[in-house]
């Protein structure tokens, strides 16, 4: 819905997502990149290892409060800034 609202022609070329668990793997696979604040399962870790260019772990040590999500959002904003220049 959001992708269509903003005119994205292709999820795999135009969209990114934040995800953290197995139920997000289909969405992550459809997007250009998926940012993972923390790993919630062994299968998610396996998926990251198989596609490190598309599935990006944003924070894996000393996670407190919302630090991992904040790191993921900063990476998404950086990517958007680079794409718009």
PDB file of N, CA and C in Angstrom:
ATOM      1  N   UNK A   1       0.822  -1.196   0.000  1.00  0.00           N
ATOM      2  CA  UNK A   1       0.000   0.000   0.000  1.00  0.00           C
ATOM      3  C   UNK A   1       0.868   1.263   0.000  1.00  0.00           C
ATOM      4  N   UNK A   2       1.819   1.346   0.902  1.00  0.00           N
ATOM      5  CA  UNK A   2       2.671   2.538   1.002  1.00  0.00           C
ATOM      6  C   UNK A   2       3.492   2.717  -0.266  1.00  0.00           C
ATOM      7  N   UNK A   3       4.048   1.634  -0.782  1.00  0.00           N
ATOM      8  CA  UNK A   3       4.845   1.716  -2.010  1.00  0.00           C
ATOM      9  C   UNK A   3       4.007   2.266  -3.155  1.00  0.00           C
ATOM     10  N   UNK A   4       2.800   1.767  -3.309  1.00  0.00           N
ATOM     11  CA  UNK A   4       1.918   2.246  -4.377  1.00  0.00           C
ATOM     12  C   UNK A   4       1.534   3.701  -4.150  1.00  0.00           C
ATOM     13  N   UNK A   5       1.295   4.074  -2.926  1.00  0.00           N
ATOM     14  CA  UNK A   5       0.911   5.453  -2.587  1.00  0.00           C
ATOM     15  C   UNK A   5       1.978   6.458  -3.030  1.00  0.00           C
ATOM     16  N   UNK A   6       3.253   6.063  -2.926  1.00  0.00           N
ATOM     17  CA  UNK A   6       4.342   6.952  -3.295  1.00  0.00           C
ATOM     18  C   UNK A   6       4.895   6.682  -4.687  1.00  0.00           C
ATOM     19  N   UNK A   7       4.192   5.872  -5.458  1.00  0.00           N
ATOM     20  CA  UNK A   7       4.546   5.673  -6.851  1.00  0.00           C
ATOM     21  C   UNK A   7       5.683   4.720  -7.132  1.00  0.00           C
ATOM     22  N   UNK A   8       5.993   3.838  -6.204  1.00  0.00           N
ATOM     23  CA  UNK A   8       7.054   2.858  -6.436  1.00  0.00           C
ATOM     24  C   UNK A   8       6.606   1.882  -7.517  1.00  0.00           C
ATOM     25  N   UNK A   9       7.434   1.711  -8.518  1.00  0.00           N
ATOM     26  CA  UNK A   9       7.095   0.801  -9.605  1.00  0.00           C
ATOM     27  C   UNK A   9       7.445  -0.639  -9.263  1.00  0.00           C
ATOM     28  N   UNK A  10       8.478  -0.837  -8.462  1.00  0.00           N
ATOM     29  CA  UNK A  10       8.940  -2.181  -8.149  1.00  0.00           C
ATOM     30  C   UNK A  10       9.464  -2.217  -6.721  1.00  0.00           C
ATOM     31  N   UNK A  11       8.957  -3.150  -5.928  1.00  0.00           N
ATOM     32  CA  UNK A  11       9.462  -3.284  -4.556  1.00  0.00           C
ATOM     33  C   UNK A  11      10.951  -3.576  -4.546  1.00  0.00           C
ATOM     34  N   UNK A  12      11.390  -4.438  -5.463  1.00  0.00           N
ATOM     35  CA  UNK A  12      12.791  -4.852  -5.461  1.00  0.00           C
ATOM     36  C   UNK A  12      13.747  -3.747  -5.893  1.00  0.00           C
ATOM     37  N   UNK A  13      13.234  -2.692  -6.497  1.00  0.00           N
ATOM     38  CA  UNK A  13      14.093  -1.583  -6.906  1.00  0.00           C
ATOM     39  C   UNK A  13      13.892  -0.332  -6.055  1.00  0.00           C
ATOM     40  N   UNK A  14      12.708  -0.172  -5.488  1.00  0.00           N
ATOM     41  CA  UNK A  14      12.373   1.100  -4.852  1.00  0.00           C
ATOM     42  C   UNK A  14      12.139   1.050  -3.354  1.00  0.00           C
ATOM     43  N   UNK A  15      11.963  -0.114  -2.781  1.00  0.00           N
ATOM     44  CA  UNK A  15      11.516  -0.184  -1.390  1.00  0.00           C
ATOM     45  C   UNK A  15      12.534  -0.835  -0.462  1.00  0.00           C
ATOM     46  N   UNK A  16      12.516  -0.377   0.781  1.00  0.00           N
ATOM     47  CA  UNK A  16      13.293  -0.984   1.849  1.00  0.00           C
ATOM     48  C   UNK A  16      12.339  -1.270   2.997  1.00  0.00           C
ATOM     49  N   UNK A  17      12.772  -2.099   3.920  1.00  0.00           N
ATOM     50  CA  UNK A  17      11.927  -2.393   5.069  1.00  0.00           C
ATOM     51  C   UNK A  17      12.790  -2.648   6.299  1.00  0.00           C
ATOM     52  N   UNK A  18      12.155  -2.585   7.449  1.00  0.00           N
ATOM     53  CA  UNK A  18      12.752  -3.005   8.706  1.00  0.00           C
ATOM     54  C   UNK A  18      12.061  -4.302   9.096  1.00  0.00           C
ATOM     55  N   UNK A  19      12.829  -5.281   9.525  1.00  0.00           N
ATOM     56  CA  UNK A  19      12.236  -6.548   9.924  1.00  0.00           C
ATOM     57  C   UNK A  19      13.098  -7.212  10.973  1.00  0.00           C
ATOM     58  N   UNK A  20      12.521  -8.247  11.627  1.00  0.00           N
ATOM     59  CA  UNK A  20      13.295  -8.881  12.684  1.00  0.00           C
ATOM     60  C   UNK A  20      12.998 -10.356  12.908  1.00  0.00           C
ATOM     61  N   UNK A  21      12.053 -10.917  12.198  1.00  0.00           N
ATOM     62  CA  UNK A  21      11.697 -12.294  12.501  1.00  0.00           C
ATOM     63  C   UNK A  21      11.266 -13.043  11.250  1.00  0.00           C
ATOM     64  N   UNK A  22      11.076 -14.336  11.406  1.00  0.00           N
ATOM     65  CA  UNK A  22      10.737 -15.203  10.281  1.00  0.00           C
ATOM     66  C   UNK A  22       9.512 -14.737   9.501  1.00  0.00           C
ATOM     67  N   UNK A  23       8.531 -14.189  10.193  1.00  0.00           N
ATOM     68  CA  UNK A  23       7.321 -13.750   9.501  1.00  0.00           C
ATOM     69  C   UNK A  23       7.590 -12.573   8.561  1.00  0.00           C
ATOM     70  N   UNK A  24       8.765 -11.973   8.637  1.00  0.00           N
ATOM     71  CA  UNK A  24       9.126 -10.845   7.784  1.00  0.00           C
ATOM     72  C   UNK A  24       9.976 -11.240   6.574  1.00  0.00           C
ATOM     73  N   UNK A  25      10.377 -12.493   6.494  1.00  0.00           N
ATOM     74  CA  UNK A  25      11.311 -12.902   5.439  1.00  0.00           C
ATOM     75  C   UNK A  25      10.753 -12.719   4.029  1.00  0.00           C
ATOM     76  N   UNK A  26       9.476 -12.971   3.827  1.00  0.00           N
ATOM     77  CA  UNK A  26       8.885 -12.782   2.498  1.00  0.00           C
ATOM     78  C   UNK A  26       8.935 -11.303   2.097  1.00  0.00           C
ATOM     79  N   UNK A  27       8.580 -10.420   3.015  1.00  0.00           N
ATOM     80  CA  UNK A  27       8.645  -8.984   2.749  1.00  0.00           C
ATOM     81  C   UNK A  27      10.094  -8.562   2.487  1.00  0.00           C
ATOM     82  N   UNK A  28      11.009  -9.054   3.298  1.00  0.00           N
ATOM     83  CA  UNK A  28      12.420  -8.715   3.133  1.00  0.00           C
ATOM     84  C   UNK A  28      12.933  -9.142   1.765  1.00  0.00           C
ATOM     85  N   UNK A  29      12.518 -10.308   1.316  1.00  0.00           N
ATOM     86  CA  UNK A  29      12.936 -10.803   0.016  1.00  0.00           C
ATOM     87  C   UNK A  29      12.377 -10.007  -1.145  1.00  0.00           C
ATOM     88  N   UNK A  30      11.246  -9.365  -0.925  1.00  0.00           N
ATOM     89  CA  UNK A  30      10.611  -8.582  -1.989  1.00  0.00           C
ATOM     90  C   UNK A  30      11.202  -7.184  -2.113  1.00  0.00           C
ATOM     91  N   UNK A  31      11.819  -6.694  -1.057  1.00  0.00           N
ATOM     92  CA  UNK A  31      12.341  -5.327  -1.048  1.00  0.00           C
ATOM     93  C   UNK A  31      13.784  -5.261  -1.538  1.00  0.00           C
ATOM     94  N   UNK A  32      14.181  -4.038  -1.910  1.00  0.00           N
ATOM     95  CA  UNK A  32      15.556  -3.792  -2.355  1.00  0.00           C
ATOM     96  C   UNK A  32      16.553  -4.143  -1.257  1.00  0.00           C
ATOM     97  N   UNK A  33      16.253  -3.685  -0.056  1.00  0.00           N
ATOM     98  CA  UNK A  33      17.079  -3.992   1.109  1.00  0.00           C
ATOM     99  C   UNK A  33      16.175  -4.135   2.323  1.00  0.00           C
ATOM    100  N   UNK A  34      16.616  -4.949   3.251  1.00  0.00           N
ATOM    101  CA  UNK A  34      15.916  -5.100   4.527  1.00  0.00           C
ATOM    102  C   UNK A  34      16.921  -4.833   5.640  1.00  0.00           C
ATOM    103  N   UNK A  35      16.540  -3.965   6.543  1.00  0.00           N
ATOM    104  CA  UNK A  35      17.389  -3.613   7.674  1.00  0.00           C
ATOM    105  C   UNK A  35      16.856  -4.332   8.904  1.00  0.00           C
ATOM    106  N   UNK A  36      17.722  -5.086   9.558  1.00  0.00           N
ATOM    107  CA  UNK A  36      17.329  -5.913  10.677  1.00  0.00           C
ATOM    108  C   UNK A  36      17.969  -5.359  11.942  1.00  0.00           C
ATOM    109  N   UNK A  37      17.168  -4.754  12.836  1.00  0.00           N
ATOM    110  CA  UNK A  37      17.715  -4.175  14.058  1.00  0.00           C
ATOM    111  C   UNK A  37      18.348  -5.206  14.979  1.00  0.00           C
ATOM    112  N   UNK A  38      17.753  -6.378  15.079  1.00  0.00           N
ATOM    113  CA  UNK A  38      18.321  -7.450  15.896  1.00  0.00           C
ATOM    114  C   UNK A  38      17.782  -8.775  15.372  1.00  0.00           C
ATOM    115  N   UNK A  39      18.495  -9.837  15.655  1.00  0.00           N
ATOM    116  CA  UNK A  39      18.117 -11.153  15.150  1.00  0.00           C
ATOM    117  C   UNK A  39      17.282 -11.873  16.204  1.00  0.00           C
ATOM    118  N   UNK A  40      16.092 -12.282  15.792  1.00  0.00           N
ATOM    119  CA  UNK A  40      15.179 -12.942  16.717  1.00  0.00           C
ATOM    120  C   UNK A  40      15.163 -14.465  16.569  1.00  0.00           C
ATOM    121  N   UNK A  41      15.822 -14.982  15.532  1.00  0.00           N
ATOM    122  CA  UNK A  41      15.785 -16.425  15.332  1.00  0.00           C
ATOM    123  C   UNK A  41      17.006 -16.896  14.549  1.00  0.00           C
ATOM    124  N   UNK A  42      17.271 -18.187  14.654  1.00  0.00           N
ATOM    125  CA  UNK A  42      18.379 -18.790  13.921  1.00  0.00           C
ATOM    126  C   UNK A  42      18.134 -18.721  12.415  1.00  0.00           C
ATOM    127  N   UNK A  43      16.896 -18.907  11.989  1.00  0.00           N
ATOM    128  CA  UNK A  43      16.601 -18.861  10.547  1.00  0.00           C
ATOM    129  C   UNK A  43      16.796 -17.454   9.986  1.00  0.00           C
ATOM    130  N   UNK A  44      16.541 -16.439  10.789  1.00  0.00           N
ATOM    131  CA  UNK A  44      16.789 -15.060  10.347  1.00  0.00           C
ATOM    132  C   UNK A  44      18.294 -14.845  10.202  1.00  0.00           C
ATOM    133  N   UNK A  45      19.059 -15.353  11.128  1.00  0.00           N
ATOM    134  CA  UNK A  45      20.517 -15.262  11.043  1.00  0.00           C
ATOM    135  C   UNK A  45      21.033 -15.967   9.794  1.00  0.00           C
ATOM    136  N   UNK A  46      20.478 -17.137   9.482  1.00  0.00           N
ATOM    137  CA  UNK A  46      20.856 -17.866   8.267  1.00  0.00           C
ATOM    138  C   UNK A  46      20.533 -17.053   7.020  1.00  0.00           C
ATOM    139  N   UNK A  47      19.370 -16.423   6.993  1.00  0.00           N
ATOM    140  CA  UNK A  47      18.966 -15.610   5.837  1.00  0.00           C
ATOM    141  C   UNK A  47      19.918 -14.431   5.646  1.00  0.00           C
ATOM    142  N   UNK A  48      20.331 -13.801   6.737  1.00  0.00           N
ATOM    143  CA  UNK A  48      21.279 -12.680   6.662  1.00  0.00           C
ATOM    144  C   UNK A  48      22.609 -13.163   6.079  1.00  0.00           C
ATOM    145  N   UNK A  49      23.064 -14.312   6.529  1.00  0.00           N
ATOM    146  CA  UNK A  49      24.331 -14.858   6.032  1.00  0.00           C
ATOM    147  C   UNK A  49      24.266 -15.213   4.555  1.00  0.00           C
ATOM    148  N   UNK A  50      23.101 -15.606   4.066  1.00  0.00           N
ATOM    149  CA  UNK A  50      22.942 -15.969   2.659  1.00  0.00           C
ATOM    150  C   UNK A  50      22.811 -14.753   1.748  1.00  0.00           C
ATOM    151  N   UNK A  51      22.324 -13.633   2.280  1.00  0.00           N
ATOM    152  CA  UNK A  51      22.105 -12.435   1.455  1.00  0.00           C
ATOM    153  C   UNK A  51      22.568 -11.175   2.172  1.00  0.00           C
ATOM    154  N   UNK A  52      23.856 -11.074   2.505  1.00  0.00           N
ATOM    155  CA  UNK A  52      24.329  -9.928   3.283  1.00  0.00           C
ATOM    156  C   UNK A  52      24.239  -8.590   2.547  1.00  0.00           C
ATOM    157  N   UNK A  53      24.113  -8.613   1.225  1.00  0.00           N
ATOM    158  CA  UNK A  53      23.973  -7.362   0.481  1.00  0.00           C
ATOM    159  C   UNK A  53      22.547  -6.822   0.536  1.00  0.00           C
ATOM    160  N   UNK A  54      21.581  -7.677   0.812  1.00  0.00           N
ATOM    161  CA  UNK A  54      20.175  -7.261   0.864  1.00  0.00           C
ATOM    162  C   UNK A  54      19.616  -7.251   2.276  1.00  0.00           C
ATOM    163  N   UNK A  55      20.083  -8.141   3.126  1.00  0.00           N
ATOM    164  CA  UNK A  55      19.611  -8.227   4.510  1.00  0.00           C
ATOM    165  C   UNK A  55      20.725  -7.726   5.413  1.00  0.00           C
ATOM    166  N   UNK A  56      20.532  -6.551   5.984  1.00  0.00           N
ATOM    167  CA  UNK A  56      21.611  -5.862   6.689  1.00  0.00           C
ATOM    168  C   UNK A  56      21.306  -5.773   8.178  1.00  0.00           C
ATOM    169  N   UNK A  57      22.133  -6.428   8.970  1.00  0.00           N
ATOM    170  CA  UNK A  57      22.016  -6.359  10.420  1.00  0.00           C
ATOM    171  C   UNK A  57      22.575  -5.014  10.866  1.00  0.00           C
ATOM    172  N   UNK A  58      21.773  -4.241  11.572  1.00  0.00           N
ATOM    173  CA  UNK A  58      22.172  -2.870  11.896  1.00  0.00           C
ATOM    174  C   UNK A  58      22.833  -2.725  13.260  1.00  0.00           C
ATOM    175  N   UNK A  59      22.604  -3.662  14.145  1.00  0.00           N
ATOM    176  CA  UNK A  59      23.158  -3.530  15.490  1.00  0.00           C
ATOM    177  C   UNK A  59      23.178  -4.918  16.115  1.00  0.00           C
ATOM    178  N   UNK A  60      24.332  -5.371  16.547  1.00  0.00           N
ATOM    179  CA  UNK A  60      24.371  -6.712  17.119  1.00  0.00           C
ATOM    180  C   UNK A  60      25.075  -6.813  18.467  1.00  0.00           C
ATOM    181  N   UNK A  61      25.498  -5.698  19.021  1.00  0.00           N
ATOM    182  CA  UNK A  61      26.127  -5.735  20.334  1.00  0.00           C
ATOM    183  C   UNK A  61      25.663  -4.564  21.172  1.00  0.00           C
ATOM    184  N   UNK A  62      25.643  -4.755  22.471  1.00  0.00           N
ATOM    185  CA  UNK A  62      25.300  -3.692  23.415  1.00  0.00           C
ATOM    186  C   UNK A  62      23.995  -2.979  23.069  1.00  0.00           C
ATOM    187  N   UNK A  63      22.975  -3.748  22.749  1.00  0.00           N
ATOM    188  CA  UNK A  63      21.684  -3.167  22.393  1.00  0.00           C
ATOM    189  C   UNK A  63      20.952  -2.769  23.667  1.00  0.00           C
ATOM    190  N   UNK A  64      20.568  -1.505  23.740  1.00  0.00           N
ATOM    191  CA  UNK A  64      19.763  -1.035  24.858  1.00  0.00           C
ATOM    192  C   UNK A  64      18.591  -0.243  24.322  1.00  0.00           C
ATOM    193  N   UNK A  65      17.478  -0.412  24.977  1.00  0.00           N
ATOM    194  CA  UNK A  65      16.245   0.298  24.639  1.00  0.00           C
ATOM    195  C   UNK A  65      15.976   0.240  23.141  1.00  0.00           C
ATOM    196  N   UNK A  66      15.931   1.372  22.470  1.00  0.00           N
ATOM    197  CA  UNK A  66      15.584   1.402  21.043  1.00  0.00           C
ATOM    198  C   UNK A  66      16.801   1.618  20.146  1.00  0.00           C
ATOM    199  N   UNK A  67      18.001   1.406  20.673  1.00  0.00           N
ATOM    200  CA  UNK A  67      19.219   1.674  19.899  1.00  0.00           C
ATOM    201  C   UNK A  67      19.266   0.924  18.575  1.00  0.00           C
ATOM    202  N   UNK A  68      18.872  -0.331  18.567  1.00  0.00           N
ATOM    203  CA  UNK A  68      18.948  -1.129  17.345  1.00  0.00           C
ATOM    204  C   UNK A  68      18.002  -0.593  16.277  1.00  0.00           C
ATOM    205  N   UNK A  69      16.790  -0.250  16.676  1.00  0.00           N
ATOM    206  CA  UNK A  69      15.829   0.314  15.718  1.00  0.00           C
ATOM    207  C   UNK A  69      16.287   1.685  15.252  1.00  0.00           C
ATOM    208  N   UNK A  70      16.822   2.480  16.152  1.00  0.00           N
ATOM    209  CA  UNK A  70      17.346   3.795  15.776  1.00  0.00           C
ATOM    210  C   UNK A  70      18.454   3.657  14.738  1.00  0.00           C
ATOM    211  N   UNK A  71      19.345   2.696  14.936  1.00  0.00           N
ATOM    212  CA  UNK A  71      20.431   2.468  13.978  1.00  0.00           C
ATOM    213  C   UNK A  71      19.868   2.070  12.616  1.00  0.00           C
ATOM    214  N   UNK A  72      18.852   1.220  12.609  1.00  0.00           N
ATOM    215  CA  UNK A  72      18.227   0.808  11.346  1.00  0.00           C
ATOM    216  C   UNK A  72      17.591   1.992  10.638  1.00  0.00           C
ATOM    217  N   UNK A  73      16.883   2.811  11.372  1.00  0.00           N
ATOM    218  CA  UNK A  73      16.235   3.980  10.763  1.00  0.00           C
ATOM    219  C   UNK A  73      17.260   4.972  10.220  1.00  0.00           C
ATOM    220  N   UNK A  74      18.376   5.152  10.921  1.00  0.00           N
ATOM    221  CA  UNK A  74      19.436   6.033  10.408  1.00  0.00           C
ATOM    222  C   UNK A  74      19.981   5.499   9.076  1.00  0.00           C
ATOM    223  N   UNK A  75      20.156   4.193   8.980  1.00  0.00           N
ATOM    224  CA  UNK A  75      20.646   3.611   7.726  1.00  0.00           C
ATOM    225  C   UNK A  75      19.646   3.797   6.593  1.00  0.00           C
ATOM    226  N   UNK A  76      18.373   3.647   6.885  1.00  0.00           N
ATOM    227  CA  UNK A  76      17.330   3.864   5.872  1.00  0.00           C
ATOM    228  C   UNK A  76      17.343   5.320   5.424  1.00  0.00           C
ATOM    229  N   UNK A  77      17.427   6.248   6.351  1.00  0.00           N
ATOM    230  CA  UNK A  77      17.458   7.668   5.989  1.00  0.00           C
ATOM    231  C   UNK A  77      18.707   8.002   5.191  1.00  0.00           C
ATOM    232  N   UNK A  78      19.844   7.422   5.553  1.00  0.00           N
ATOM    233  CA  UNK A  78      21.073   7.643   4.781  1.00  0.00           C
ATOM    234  C   UNK A  78      20.914   7.136   3.354  1.00  0.00           C
ATOM    235  N   UNK A  79      20.306   5.979   3.202  1.00  0.00           N
ATOM    236  CA  UNK A  79      20.077   5.404   1.882  1.00  0.00           C
ATOM    237  C   UNK A  79      19.155   6.311   1.059  1.00  0.00           C
ATOM    238  N   UNK A  80      18.110   6.822   1.686  1.00  0.00           N
ATOM    239  CA  UNK A  80      17.181   7.726   0.995  1.00  0.00           C
ATOM    240  C   UNK A  80      17.870   9.019   0.589  1.00  0.00           C
ATOM    241  N   UNK A  81      18.725   9.536   1.450  1.00  0.00           N
ATOM    242  CA  UNK A  81      19.460  10.765   1.136  1.00  0.00           C
ATOM    243  C   UNK A  81      20.382  10.551  -0.045  1.00  0.00           C
ATOM    244  N   UNK A  82      21.078   9.426  -0.066  1.00  0.00           N
ATOM    245  CA  UNK A  82      21.973   9.115  -1.178  1.00  0.00           C
ATOM    246  C   UNK A  82      21.201   8.936  -2.476  1.00  0.00           C
ATOM    247  N   UNK A  83      20.030   8.326  -2.398  1.00  0.00           N
ATOM    248  CA  UNK A  83      19.224   8.060  -3.594  1.00  0.00           C
ATOM    249  C   UNK A  83      18.639   9.330  -4.195  1.00  0.00           C
ATOM    250  N   UNK A  84      18.435  10.341  -3.361  1.00  0.00           N
ATOM    251  CA  UNK A  84      17.805  11.563  -3.862  1.00  0.00           C
ATOM    252  C   UNK A  84      18.803  12.569  -4.414  1.00  0.00           C
ATOM    253  N   UNK A  85      20.100  12.293  -4.283  1.00  0.00           N
ATOM    254  CA  UNK A  85      21.106  13.242  -4.799  1.00  0.00           C
ATOM    255  C   UNK A  85      21.555  12.873  -6.187  1.00  0.00           C
TER     256      UNK A  85
END
